[in-house]
Protein backbone atom coordinates (compact mmCIF):
# COMPACT_ATOMS: atom_id res chain seq x y z
CA MET A 1 31.51 68.89 180.47
CA ASN A 2 30.54 72.21 178.15
CA CYS A 3 31.75 73.58 174.86
CA PRO A 4 34.40 76.47 176.37
CA ASP A 5 33.20 78.41 172.92
CA CYS A 6 29.01 78.02 173.12
CA GLY A 7 28.65 76.94 176.44
CA GLN A 8 26.62 73.51 175.47
CA GLU A 9 27.39 70.47 177.39
CA LEU A 10 29.28 67.97 174.85
CA SER A 11 28.20 63.91 174.78
CA SER A 12 29.86 61.73 172.94
CA ALA A 13 28.15 62.16 170.34
CA PRO A 14 30.16 64.51 167.41
CA HIS A 15 29.43 68.84 168.66
CA LEU A 16 29.00 70.82 165.93
CA CYS A 17 29.35 74.21 167.72
CA PRO A 18 27.72 77.18 166.56
CA ALA A 19 30.48 79.89 167.28
CA ARG A 20 32.76 77.82 165.21
CA ARG A 21 31.04 77.77 162.07
CA THR A 22 32.95 78.33 159.10
CA GLU A 23 31.68 80.30 156.16
CA PRO A 24 33.32 79.98 152.46
CA ALA A 25 36.39 82.49 151.98
CA PRO A 26 35.04 85.28 149.96
CA GLU A 27 36.00 85.85 146.65
CA PHE A 28 37.71 89.07 145.48
CA VAL A 29 37.66 90.67 142.44
CA ASP A 30 39.04 94.11 139.92
CA VAL A 31 36.35 96.88 139.08
CA PHE A 32 37.43 97.63 135.74
CA PHE A 33 35.67 100.89 134.37
CA THR A 34 35.30 100.35 130.90
CA ARG A 35 33.18 102.69 129.09
CA LEU A 36 31.90 106.75 129.50
CA PRO A 37 27.84 107.28 129.61
CA ARG A 38 26.65 110.14 127.99
CA LEU A 39 27.48 113.66 127.92
CA ASP A 40 24.40 114.22 130.29
CA LYS A 41 24.83 111.92 132.99
CA LEU A 42 29.40 113.29 133.03
CA PRO A 43 28.75 115.63 136.11
CA ALA A 44 26.79 112.82 138.18
CA LEU A 45 29.01 109.64 137.69
CA GLU A 46 32.38 112.95 137.95
CA ARG A 47 30.63 113.14 141.54
CA TYR A 48 30.54 109.20 142.41
CA LEU A 49 33.32 108.52 141.64
CA GLN A 50 35.13 111.50 143.82
CA GLN A 51 32.87 109.59 146.50
CA LEU A 52 34.20 106.25 145.57
CA LEU A 53 37.92 107.19 145.44
CA PRO A 54 38.27 110.18 147.92
CA HIS A 55 42.23 109.92 147.68
CA LEU A 56 42.03 110.73 143.83
CA ASP A 57 41.53 114.83 142.98
CA PRO A 58 39.15 115.56 140.50
CA GLN A 59 41.85 116.55 137.57
CA THR A 60 43.39 113.30 138.48
CA ILE A 61 39.46 111.87 137.89
CA SER A 62 38.90 113.36 134.09
CA LEU A 63 42.04 112.10 133.34
CA LEU A 64 40.79 108.89 134.02
CA PHE A 65 38.10 109.33 131.40
CA GLN A 66 40.29 109.75 128.46
CA HIS A 67 42.36 106.06 129.70
CA LEU A 68 39.45 103.40 129.43
CA PRO A 69 39.26 100.81 130.56
CA ALA A 70 40.86 101.66 133.96
CA VAL A 71 41.12 99.83 137.32
CA ILE A 72 39.56 101.89 139.70
CA LEU A 73 39.57 99.47 142.65
CA ARG A 74 40.92 96.16 143.21
CA ASN A 75 40.75 93.01 145.79
CA GLN A 76 37.19 94.36 146.58
CA ASP A 77 34.68 91.89 148.12
CA ARG A 78 32.35 90.52 144.72
CA ALA A 79 28.91 92.16 146.25
CA GLN A 80 30.07 95.12 147.24
CA ALA A 81 32.08 95.22 143.31
CA GLU A 82 28.67 94.10 142.05
CA SER A 83 26.80 97.41 144.31
CA VAL A 84 29.92 99.57 142.63
CA ARG A 85 28.82 98.10 139.13
CA ARG A 86 24.93 98.71 139.56
CA GLU A 87 25.68 102.33 140.56
CA MET A 88 27.54 103.15 137.56
CA ALA A 89 24.92 101.37 135.51
CA ALA A 90 22.06 103.05 136.59
CA LEU A 91 24.85 106.92 136.01
CA GLY A 92 25.10 105.12 132.64
CA ALA A 93 28.58 104.20 132.99
CA GLU A 94 29.44 100.53 132.64
CA ALA A 95 32.51 98.23 134.74
CA GLN A 96 33.81 94.87 134.32
CA LEU A 97 34.42 93.05 137.74
CA LYS A 98 37.86 90.13 137.14
CA ALA A 99 38.72 87.84 139.38
CA VAL A 100 42.16 88.28 141.18
CA SER A 101 44.57 85.34 142.13
CA PRO A 102 44.02 83.63 146.03
CA ALA A 103 47.45 84.75 146.33
CA ARG A 104 46.29 88.49 145.71
CA SER A 105 42.52 88.15 147.35
CA ALA A 106 44.04 86.22 150.26
CA ARG A 107 43.58 88.34 153.78
CA PRO A 108 43.41 86.60 157.01
CA ALA A 109 40.37 87.82 158.94
CA PRO A 110 41.80 88.84 162.36
CA ALA A 111 40.91 86.31 165.51
CA ARG A 112 38.20 87.94 167.40
CA PRO A 113 38.42 87.34 171.21
CA ARG A 114 35.17 85.39 172.89
CA PRO A 115 33.99 86.30 176.17
CA VAL A 116 32.86 83.31 178.55
CA GLU A 117 29.67 83.86 179.35
CA GLY A 118 27.49 83.08 181.93
CA ARG A 119 30.36 83.20 184.60
CA PRO A 120 31.59 85.44 187.35
CA PRO A 121 35.20 87.72 186.01
CA ALA A 122 37.33 85.69 188.81
CA GLU A 123 36.13 82.80 187.39
CA ALA A 124 36.30 83.76 184.10
CA THR A 125 40.02 84.61 184.79
CA ALA A 126 40.75 81.01 186.68
CA ALA A 127 39.19 79.76 183.13
CA GLY A 128 41.39 81.33 180.76
CA SER A 129 44.41 80.57 182.86
CA ARG A 130 43.28 76.81 182.89
CA ARG A 131 42.89 76.80 179.20
CA VAL A 132 46.33 78.95 179.26
CA TRP A 133 47.98 75.75 180.81
CA THR A 134 45.87 73.22 178.69
CA ILE A 135 47.22 74.77 175.54
CA PHE A 136 50.74 75.20 176.74
CA LEU A 137 50.74 70.55 176.89
CA LEU A 138 49.21 70.30 174.22
CA GLY A 139 51.57 72.37 172.47
CA ALA A 140 54.75 70.89 174.17
CA LEU A 141 52.85 67.44 173.09
CA LEU A 142 52.77 68.64 169.69
CA ILE A 143 56.63 69.33 169.44
CA GLY A 144 57.93 66.03 170.59
CA PHE A 145 55.61 64.62 167.89
CA THR A 146 56.78 66.64 165.60
CA TYR A 147 60.60 66.11 166.66
CA TYR A 148 60.26 62.44 167.32
CA TYR A 149 57.37 60.28 164.74
CA LEU A 150 57.03 63.57 162.23
CA PRO A 151 59.54 62.39 159.78
CA ASP A 152 58.93 58.71 159.79
CA TRP A 153 55.34 59.44 159.68
CA LEU A 154 55.81 61.71 156.41
CA SER A 155 58.68 58.85 154.90
CA ARG A 156 55.46 56.36 154.63
CA ARG A 157 53.86 59.08 152.99
CA ALA A 158 53.07 61.75 149.62
CA LEU A 159 54.61 65.18 150.61
CA PRO A 160 51.41 67.63 150.64
CA PRO A 161 51.34 69.76 147.59
CA ALA A 162 53.33 73.01 146.81
CA ARG A 163 52.15 76.22 146.82
CA THR A 164 51.45 77.06 143.74
CA ALA A 165 54.39 79.77 142.62
CA PRO A 166 53.74 82.73 141.22
CA PRO A 167 54.20 84.00 138.14
CA LEU A 168 58.05 85.23 136.72
CA ALA A 169 58.01 89.12 137.44
CA TRP A 170 58.61 90.45 133.29
CA ARG A 171 58.29 93.78 132.13
CA PRO A 172 58.41 94.83 128.39
CA ALA A 173 61.74 96.76 127.02
CA SER A 174 61.66 99.24 124.07
CA ALA A 175 59.00 96.82 122.17
CA PRO A 176 55.70 96.53 124.02
CA LEU A 177 55.66 92.47 123.06
CA THR A 178 59.42 91.83 124.59
CA PRO A 179 59.08 90.51 128.20
CA GLN A 180 62.44 90.57 130.37
CA VAL A 181 62.46 88.50 133.62
CA SER A 182 63.60 91.00 136.25
CA SER A 183 64.42 87.78 138.88
CA ALA A 184 63.91 84.06 138.59
CA PRO A 185 60.97 82.95 141.18
CA ALA A 186 62.66 80.37 144.52
CA LEU A 187 62.24 77.20 144.28
CA GLN A 188 61.55 74.82 147.50
CA SER A 189 64.34 72.90 149.14
CA GLY A 190 61.83 70.57 150.99
CA GLN A 191 62.35 69.78 154.81
CA THR A 192 63.73 71.94 157.27
CA ALA A 193 64.34 69.69 160.09
CA ALA A 194 66.62 66.06 159.30
CA PRO A 195 64.25 63.45 157.73
CA ARG A 196 65.33 60.05 159.90
CA ASP A 197 64.19 58.04 156.63
CA PRO A 198 67.45 56.98 154.58
CA ARG A 199 64.89 57.43 151.13
CA GLN A 200 63.98 60.49 152.59
CA ALA A 201 67.14 61.82 153.24
CA GLN A 202 68.25 61.05 149.73
CA ILE A 203 65.47 63.39 148.30
CA GLN A 204 66.09 66.46 151.14
CA SER A 205 69.75 66.57 149.30
CA LEU A 206 69.23 66.00 146.51
CA LEU A 207 66.30 68.78 146.59
CA GLU A 208 68.82 70.86 147.92
CA ARG A 209 71.98 70.32 145.50
CA SER A 210 68.88 71.09 142.69
CA VAL A 211 68.01 74.61 144.29
CA ARG A 212 71.93 75.14 144.52
CA GLU A 213 72.00 74.25 140.86
CA TYR A 214 68.74 76.18 139.93
CA GLN A 215 70.68 79.79 141.51
CA ASN A 216 74.07 79.36 139.35
CA HIS A 217 72.14 79.20 136.27
CA GLN A 218 72.94 75.43 136.04
CA TYR A 219 69.58 74.56 134.50
CA THR A 220 70.30 71.07 133.05
CA THR A 221 71.65 69.85 135.86
CA ALA A 222 69.46 71.18 137.59
CA ILE A 223 66.79 68.84 135.51
CA HIS A 224 69.23 65.88 135.64
CA THR A 225 68.79 65.90 139.61
CA THR A 226 65.20 67.07 139.57
CA GLU A 227 64.35 63.68 137.80
CA GLN A 228 66.38 61.15 139.87
CA ILE A 229 64.10 62.65 142.77
CA LEU A 230 60.68 61.75 140.66
CA ASP A 231 62.67 58.05 140.06
CA LEU A 232 62.67 57.97 143.54
CA ASP A 233 60.02 59.32 144.51
CA PRO A 234 57.60 59.82 141.66
CA ASN A 235 54.78 61.97 143.27
CA GLN A 236 57.00 64.12 145.64
CA ALA A 237 55.00 67.98 144.92
CA THR A 238 58.25 69.98 145.94
CA ALA A 239 60.16 68.10 142.91
CA LYS A 240 57.49 68.39 140.46
CA ARG A 241 56.75 72.08 141.29
CA ASN A 242 60.33 73.01 141.04
CA LEU A 243 60.75 70.76 138.34
CA GLY A 244 57.67 73.53 136.48
CA LEU A 245 59.69 76.29 137.32
CA ILE A 246 62.86 75.02 136.02
CA TYR A 247 61.46 74.35 132.89
CA CYS A 248 60.07 77.68 132.62
CA GLU A 249 63.00 79.40 133.40
CA VAL A 250 64.72 77.60 130.31
CA GLY A 251 61.36 78.76 128.39
CA TRP A 252 62.11 82.27 128.82
CA ASP A 253 66.00 82.20 128.26
CA TYR A 254 65.74 80.56 125.54
CA LEU A 255 62.64 83.33 124.30
CA GLN A 256 65.16 85.75 125.57
CA LYS A 257 67.65 84.28 123.20
CA ASN A 258 65.23 84.27 120.32
CA ASN A 259 64.57 80.96 119.98
CA SER A 260 61.23 79.95 119.94
CA ASP A 261 60.78 76.08 119.14
CA ASP A 262 63.26 75.24 122.01
CA ALA A 263 61.63 77.60 123.91
CA LYS A 264 58.10 76.38 122.84
CA ASP A 265 59.66 72.79 123.88
CA ALA A 266 60.47 74.32 127.18
CA PHE A 267 57.08 75.51 128.11
CA HIS A 268 55.28 72.46 127.10
CA GLU A 269 57.92 70.45 129.59
CA ALA A 270 56.86 72.63 132.39
CA LEU A 271 52.54 71.94 131.69
CA GLN A 272 54.06 67.88 131.31
CA VAL A 273 54.50 68.01 135.06
CA SER A 274 53.11 71.02 136.40
CA PRO A 275 49.62 71.20 134.42
CA GLY A 276 47.52 74.70 135.17
CA SER A 277 51.32 76.66 135.39
CA GLN A 278 50.40 80.06 134.57
CA CYS A 279 54.04 80.68 133.71
CA ALA A 280 53.69 78.37 130.92
CA PHE A 281 50.42 79.36 129.56
CA ARG A 282 52.39 82.83 129.19
CA GLY A 283 55.49 81.78 128.07
CA LEU A 284 53.56 79.86 124.91
CA GLY A 285 51.17 82.63 124.49
CA PHE A 286 54.69 84.78 123.46
CA SER A 287 56.54 81.37 121.80
CA TYR A 288 54.14 80.75 119.20
CA PHE A 289 53.21 84.30 118.30
CA ALA A 290 57.24 84.71 118.11
CA LYS A 291 56.58 82.00 114.97
CA ASP A 292 53.82 84.38 113.85
CA ASP A 293 51.45 81.26 114.71
CA LEU A 294 48.23 84.19 116.28
CA ASP A 295 45.58 81.69 116.34
CA ARG A 296 47.31 79.52 118.53
CA ALA A 297 49.24 82.12 120.45
CA LEU A 298 45.71 83.16 121.20
CA GLU A 299 44.65 80.07 123.13
CA TRP A 300 47.46 79.87 125.07
CA LEU A 301 46.95 83.82 126.47
CA ASN A 302 43.32 82.26 126.89
CA GLN A 303 44.40 79.62 129.45
CA TYR A 304 46.85 82.17 131.17
CA PHE A 305 44.37 84.86 131.71
CA ASP A 306 41.39 81.44 132.73
CA ALA A 307 43.97 80.48 135.12
CA GLY A 308 44.00 83.89 136.77
CA GLY A 309 46.76 85.01 134.92
CA GLU A 310 47.04 89.36 135.16
CA GLN A 311 50.38 90.15 134.19
CA ALA A 312 49.90 93.31 131.73
CA ASP A 313 52.49 92.43 128.95
CA ALA A 314 50.46 89.51 128.28
CA TYR A 315 46.97 92.00 127.30
CA ALA A 316 49.79 94.10 125.54
CA LEU A 317 50.16 90.87 124.09
CA LEU A 318 46.89 90.71 123.12
CA SER A 319 46.61 93.62 121.68
CA GLU A 320 49.17 93.37 119.33
CA ILE A 321 47.28 89.84 118.19
CA TYR A 322 44.25 91.46 117.75
CA TYR A 323 45.97 94.79 115.61
CA ARG A 324 47.37 92.01 113.49
CA GLN A 325 44.01 90.91 112.58
CA ASN A 326 42.63 94.48 111.91
CA ASP A 327 40.49 94.25 114.74
CA LEU A 328 41.13 97.94 116.44
CA LYS A 329 38.38 97.97 119.04
CA LYS A 330 39.94 95.18 120.31
CA ALA A 331 43.35 96.31 120.46
CA LEU A 332 42.67 99.34 122.01
CA GLU A 333 40.78 97.65 124.86
CA PHE A 334 43.43 95.48 125.66
CA LEU A 335 46.07 97.51 125.43
CA ARG A 336 44.55 99.57 127.79
CA MET A 337 43.83 97.10 130.11
CA ALA A 338 48.14 96.65 129.78
CA VAL A 339 48.66 100.96 130.66
CA ALA A 340 45.95 100.36 133.73
CA LEU A 341 48.08 97.31 135.30
CA ASP A 342 51.35 98.77 134.09
CA PRO A 343 51.55 102.64 133.28
CA LYS A 344 55.10 102.76 132.96
CA PRO A 345 56.37 101.50 129.96
CA ALA A 346 56.56 104.51 127.41
CA ALA A 347 56.43 102.51 124.75
CA TRP A 348 52.56 101.29 125.42
CA GLN A 349 51.55 104.67 125.90
CA GLU A 350 53.02 105.46 122.21
CA ARG A 351 51.29 102.60 120.84
CA LEU A 352 48.12 103.59 122.79
CA SER A 353 48.51 106.92 121.58
CA LYS A 354 48.88 105.53 117.76
CA LEU A 355 45.56 102.94 118.06
CA GLU A 356 43.25 105.87 119.34
CA ARG A 357 44.44 107.37 115.73
CA GLU A 358 44.05 104.63 113.70
CA LEU A 359 40.72 104.13 115.04
CA ASN A 360 39.75 107.31 114.56
CA VAL A 361 40.28 108.08 111.16
CA GLU A 362 39.20 104.29 110.19
CA LYS A 363 35.97 104.16 111.69
CA ASN A 364 34.33 104.18 108.38
CA PHE A 365 36.46 102.20 106.11
CA LEU A 366 35.90 99.72 104.03
CA ALA A 367 37.81 96.61 103.43
CA GLY A 368 38.76 94.05 100.34
CA ASP A 369 41.15 90.86 100.95
CA THR A 370 42.71 88.32 99.19
CA ARG A 371 44.40 85.39 100.04
CA HIS A 372 47.53 86.97 100.87
CA PHE A 373 46.23 90.56 101.80
CA VAL A 374 43.36 92.86 103.42
CA VAL A 375 43.47 96.07 101.70
CA LYS A 376 41.11 99.16 103.55
CA TYR A 377 39.50 102.46 102.10
CA GLU A 378 37.30 104.89 102.37
CA GLY A 379 34.24 104.49 100.65
CA TYR A 380 33.10 102.85 97.28
CA ASP A 381 34.33 105.40 95.38
CA GLN A 382 38.10 104.49 96.38
CA ALA A 383 36.93 100.17 95.82
CA GLU A 384 38.44 100.08 92.25
CA VAL A 385 41.92 101.30 93.20
CA GLY A 386 41.93 99.33 96.34
CA SER A 387 40.79 96.05 93.46
CA TRP A 388 43.90 97.40 91.78
CA VAL A 389 46.15 97.71 94.85
CA MET A 390 45.54 94.44 95.76
CA THR A 391 46.19 93.16 92.42
CA LEU A 392 49.87 94.19 92.60
CA LEU A 393 50.15 93.35 95.65
CA GLU A 394 49.75 89.93 94.83
CA ALA A 395 52.37 90.19 92.27
CA ALA A 396 54.85 91.38 95.01
CA TYR A 397 53.74 88.69 96.66
CA LEU A 398 55.19 86.14 93.64
CA ARG A 399 57.82 88.14 92.49
CA VAL A 400 59.38 88.89 96.10
CA GLY A 401 58.99 85.58 97.60
CA GLY A 402 60.39 83.69 94.47
CA GLU A 403 64.01 85.78 94.43
CA LEU A 404 64.23 86.10 98.82
CA HIS A 405 62.50 82.26 99.76
CA TYR A 406 60.28 83.52 102.04
CA TYR A 407 56.79 84.06 102.46
CA PRO A 408 54.84 85.41 105.21
CA GLN A 409 52.44 83.17 106.83
CA ASN A 410 49.47 85.69 107.94
CA PRO A 411 47.85 88.07 105.63
CA ILE A 412 49.13 91.29 105.67
CA THR A 413 46.86 95.06 105.78
CA ALA A 414 47.97 97.69 103.14
CA ILE A 415 45.71 100.95 104.17
CA LEU A 416 44.78 103.57 101.26
CA TYR A 417 44.42 107.02 102.91
CA THR A 418 43.86 111.00 101.82
CA ASP A 419 47.06 112.39 102.39
CA GLN A 420 46.26 114.25 105.35
CA GLN A 421 44.96 110.68 106.97
CA PHE A 422 48.41 109.75 106.11
CA GLN A 423 50.03 112.11 108.20
CA ASP A 424 47.31 111.97 111.42
CA VAL A 425 48.28 108.63 111.72
CA THR A 426 52.07 108.23 110.73
CA HIS A 427 53.10 111.60 111.66
CA LEU A 428 55.83 111.20 109.35
CA PRO A 429 58.01 113.78 107.64
CA ALA A 430 56.26 115.67 104.27
CA TRP A 431 58.58 114.23 102.54
CA ALA A 432 58.07 110.63 103.02
CA GLY A 433 55.52 108.57 100.30
CA ALA A 434 54.89 105.68 101.99
CA ALA A 435 55.39 103.77 104.82
CA TYR A 436 55.80 100.26 106.74
CA ASP A 437 55.01 99.67 110.27
CA GLY A 438 53.45 96.60 110.64
CA LYS A 439 50.57 97.47 108.33
CA ILE A 440 51.68 98.83 104.87
CA ARG A 441 50.32 102.84 104.52
CA ILE A 442 49.92 104.11 101.21
CA PRO A 443 48.53 108.36 100.17
CA ALA A 444 46.23 107.18 97.50
CA LYS A 445 45.99 110.26 96.30
CA GLY A 446 47.22 110.22 92.77
CA LEU A 447 46.95 106.58 92.12
CA ARG A 448 46.36 105.62 89.15
CA GLN A 449 45.43 102.67 87.12
CA GLY A 450 49.12 101.34 84.96
CA ASP A 451 51.01 103.76 86.74
CA GLU A 452 54.15 101.52 86.77
CA ALA A 453 55.06 104.36 90.07
CA VAL A 454 52.90 103.24 92.50
CA ALA A 455 53.70 98.89 91.19
CA ARG A 456 56.98 100.14 92.86
CA ILE A 457 55.85 101.65 95.88
CA ILE A 458 53.43 98.68 96.27
CA THR A 459 56.63 96.31 95.52
CA HIS A 460 59.09 98.87 98.13
CA GLU A 461 56.75 98.82 100.89
CA TYR A 462 56.11 94.80 100.46
CA THR A 463 59.64 93.96 101.10
CA HIS A 464 59.49 95.80 103.98
CA ALA A 465 56.95 93.87 105.62
CA VAL A 466 58.64 90.28 104.30
CA LEU A 467 61.69 91.68 105.89
CA HIS A 468 60.48 92.97 109.39
CA LEU A 469 58.90 89.46 109.77
CA TRP A 470 61.42 87.26 108.45
CA SER A 471 64.50 88.86 110.59
CA ARG A 472 62.00 89.07 113.77
CA GLY A 473 62.07 93.17 113.26
CA HIS A 474 66.08 93.24 114.47
CA ALA A 475 67.20 94.42 110.58
CA PRO A 476 68.90 97.55 109.98
CA THR A 477 67.52 100.34 108.05
CA TRP A 478 70.01 100.12 105.81
CA LEU A 479 69.37 96.54 105.33
CA HIS A 480 65.29 97.42 105.14
CA GLU A 481 65.81 100.70 102.17
CA GLY A 482 68.60 98.83 100.42
CA LEU A 483 66.60 95.60 100.05
CA ALA A 484 63.60 97.40 99.48
CA GLN A 485 64.90 99.50 96.24
CA ALA A 486 66.76 96.47 94.68
CA MET A 487 63.14 94.35 94.77
CA GLU A 488 61.40 97.92 93.44
CA GLY A 489 64.37 98.03 90.78
CA GLN A 490 66.59 101.17 91.48
CA THR A 491 69.46 100.80 89.52
CA ALA A 492 72.45 101.76 90.95
CA ASP A 493 73.36 104.51 88.87
CA ALA A 494 70.90 106.98 89.85
CA ALA A 495 72.30 106.23 93.40
CA VAL A 496 75.92 106.99 92.25
CA SER A 497 74.57 110.35 91.02
CA ARG A 498 72.97 111.25 93.59
CA LEU A 499 76.07 110.71 96.46
CA ALA A 500 78.60 111.85 93.27
CA GLY A 501 76.67 114.83 92.51
CA ALA A 502 76.25 115.98 96.32
CA GLY A 503 79.88 115.41 96.76
CA GLN A 504 79.23 113.09 99.55
CA ARG A 505 81.52 110.16 100.77
CA LEU A 506 80.14 106.87 101.74
CA PHE A 507 78.81 107.17 105.37
CA PRO A 508 79.74 103.80 107.73
CA LEU A 509 77.08 101.39 107.81
CA ARG A 510 76.94 101.35 111.26
CA LEU A 511 75.23 104.81 111.13
CA LEU A 512 72.68 103.96 109.22
CA GLU A 513 71.45 101.25 111.43
CA GLY A 514 68.79 103.67 112.63
CA PRO A 515 65.20 105.32 111.28
CA PHE A 516 65.79 107.67 108.22
CA ILE A 517 62.71 109.82 109.15
CA ARG A 518 64.61 111.29 112.03
CA LEU A 519 67.10 113.24 109.01
CA PRO A 520 66.79 115.89 106.82
CA GLU A 521 64.73 114.99 103.82
CA SER A 522 68.11 116.16 101.66
CA GLN A 523 70.65 113.63 104.54
CA ALA A 524 67.83 111.04 104.26
CA LYS A 525 68.09 110.87 100.08
CA LEU A 526 71.53 110.21 100.78
CA ALA A 527 71.40 107.48 103.36
CA TYR A 528 68.98 105.40 101.11
CA SER A 529 71.66 105.56 97.94
CA GLU A 530 73.93 104.54 100.42
CA SER A 531 72.12 101.41 101.39
CA LEU A 532 71.06 100.58 97.71
CA LEU A 533 74.48 100.29 96.59
CA ALA A 534 75.71 98.34 99.90
CA VAL A 535 73.23 95.59 99.17
CA LEU A 536 73.94 95.39 95.45
CA PHE A 537 77.66 94.97 96.64
CA ILE A 538 76.29 91.99 98.47
CA ARG A 539 74.15 90.54 95.92
CA GLN A 540 77.03 91.02 93.20
CA THR A 541 79.78 89.91 95.60
CA TYR A 542 78.48 87.60 97.90
CA GLY A 543 75.28 86.10 96.20
CA ASP A 544 71.82 86.60 97.03
CA TYR A 545 72.20 83.21 99.82
CA THR A 546 73.89 85.74 101.56
CA ILE A 547 71.64 87.68 101.82
CA ARG A 548 69.38 85.34 102.90
CA ALA A 549 71.85 83.97 105.48
CA LEU A 550 72.19 87.86 106.58
CA ILE A 551 68.73 87.75 107.30
CA GLU A 552 68.15 84.38 109.29
CA ALA A 553 71.13 85.11 111.36
CA LEU A 554 68.97 88.70 112.58
CA ALA A 555 66.50 86.50 113.03
CA ASP A 556 68.70 84.35 115.70
CA GLY A 557 69.02 87.22 117.61
CA LYS A 558 72.55 88.42 116.31
CA THR A 559 74.00 91.94 116.02
CA MET A 560 73.96 92.67 112.54
CA GLU A 561 77.95 92.85 113.03
CA GLN A 562 77.72 89.25 114.31
CA ALA A 563 75.62 88.39 111.35
CA LEU A 564 78.16 90.27 108.93
CA GLN A 565 81.15 87.65 110.52
CA ASP A 566 79.57 85.10 110.22
CA THR A 567 78.12 85.23 106.20
CA THR A 568 80.94 87.53 105.40
CA TYR A 569 84.11 87.07 107.29
CA LEU A 570 84.55 90.81 107.60
CA ASN A 571 83.52 92.83 110.80
CA TYR A 572 81.79 96.15 110.22
CA ASP A 573 85.00 98.67 109.09
CA GLN A 574 86.14 95.57 107.01
CA PHE A 575 82.83 95.60 105.15
CA ASP A 576 82.85 99.27 105.04
CA LYS A 577 86.58 99.24 103.50
CA LYS A 578 85.46 96.32 101.02
CA PHE A 579 82.21 98.16 100.21
CA LEU A 580 84.16 101.63 99.34
CA GLU A 581 86.75 99.78 97.55
CA TRP A 582 83.54 98.37 95.20
CA VAL A 583 82.17 101.24 94.46
CA ILE A 584 85.47 102.87 93.23
CA GLN A 585 86.10 100.47 91.45
CA ASN A 586 82.66 99.76 89.53
CA TYR A 587 81.36 103.88 89.42
CA GLY A 588 84.92 106.05 90.19
CA SER A 589 86.04 107.30 93.02
CA GLN A 590 84.23 108.29 96.17
């Protein structure tokens, strides 16, 4: 008998058919365009990219140069991608290759018909007919074996491992670092045919029940049901995969509720049952970041990328970590990667523009540091002022921390600018004297050692940093500005005078939750005054403990009204009424 594929004579020895030789699966990569060449080589590079990317018009390619790094090719064979990388390098540009996950790179090769060589057409047709009948009979035998014998055979062996689950599809909402789930990954319910073995039938029933519980968001019950399966068969692969996905879903649910501690525990449980889970690695990155543990967050994100992860919000989170560590170049690089993968979030585009402005302004800045702060300034002539600002910051750290009983875990950055640099970076209105937007930003013009006004500004902005970190970014503006003024030593008399002089009645505080920078200067000053009075009212009526309890409630994800109800037992309208009565009683009519 001859081999139907290669025609060689078959013997009792194993036959290695050359026509069926398998080749290793190709590796696929994405090509990131990361750096421009010198200006004299730009025209040649544009021509090359127009040939490489004929679906893009010249204007789009020019825009590509302004948003590097950018993905220019996806799912390319590594050899072809290496060729593109070398050709771009010859033109002075840099490109990087990033391996894609197996789920994306899998592309089944189409089957190619092989002619039956050495036979006349009629004989080849007859041979083909015989082959069809042979395949038909083998198929019938296989179906019979599957129906009658396969369930028993499977009941005596561990099930094959389930396919690796794709990562959850999360997208950022208003903030670039808040993942938001769009749909839960599907669980597997096991075999489709009814198993003959009683134990396998019980496992199948439990699998189907756990899937229904998961789909109804009954995660605790689904975990219990899935663990029953693993008690029956510790190696049941479908149950282990499903349990890992359920724990991941529980983790993301906790993160949405601002419960990073329980989220962290859930993701660790997912790794226990499903080692190498991209979902768990990514979730742990977000969980440790929520706890301000930047180093641990970075470790888990690196494991996520090593495992083949490629979601855009993970790149955005990596960018934020490097930004807080004052590595603006890396922060910009990874945020560009996030935007290249998902250009839709407007917050990322705005942050990208701001990062580019910061890097352009601060590229030649010097830096000094203390245990709790990093201070950046331009030129050695500002070194003495920078050292003095460090002293004021450390004093604010002790004073504010002593009153509020909160001390930030990571160093805080303060930057001294010229007036023009301050405007270029912040784009704030002219009346803004300083700012905190994750970093303390101060115009350095007119800063003189011993000036008490500077010490007040430093304390004010540092209080913003404390409140932002402590509340996890959830404190309303009136609480921010009121507490910052109280910490710097502002009194109620000046605030009441401003309100009275303008003939202004108090605003409902819910209207002062948004940024004051959107208000005209006159209205902003009145909003600042009312905010100070509101904080002084809370401290004098309910005590400093209530301020701390409010911030803790906000950190847990509660709204300001819910936090007020928990701490003062008043809703917003009732609080406004009692606040107004306090102002009238202590400072006259309003």
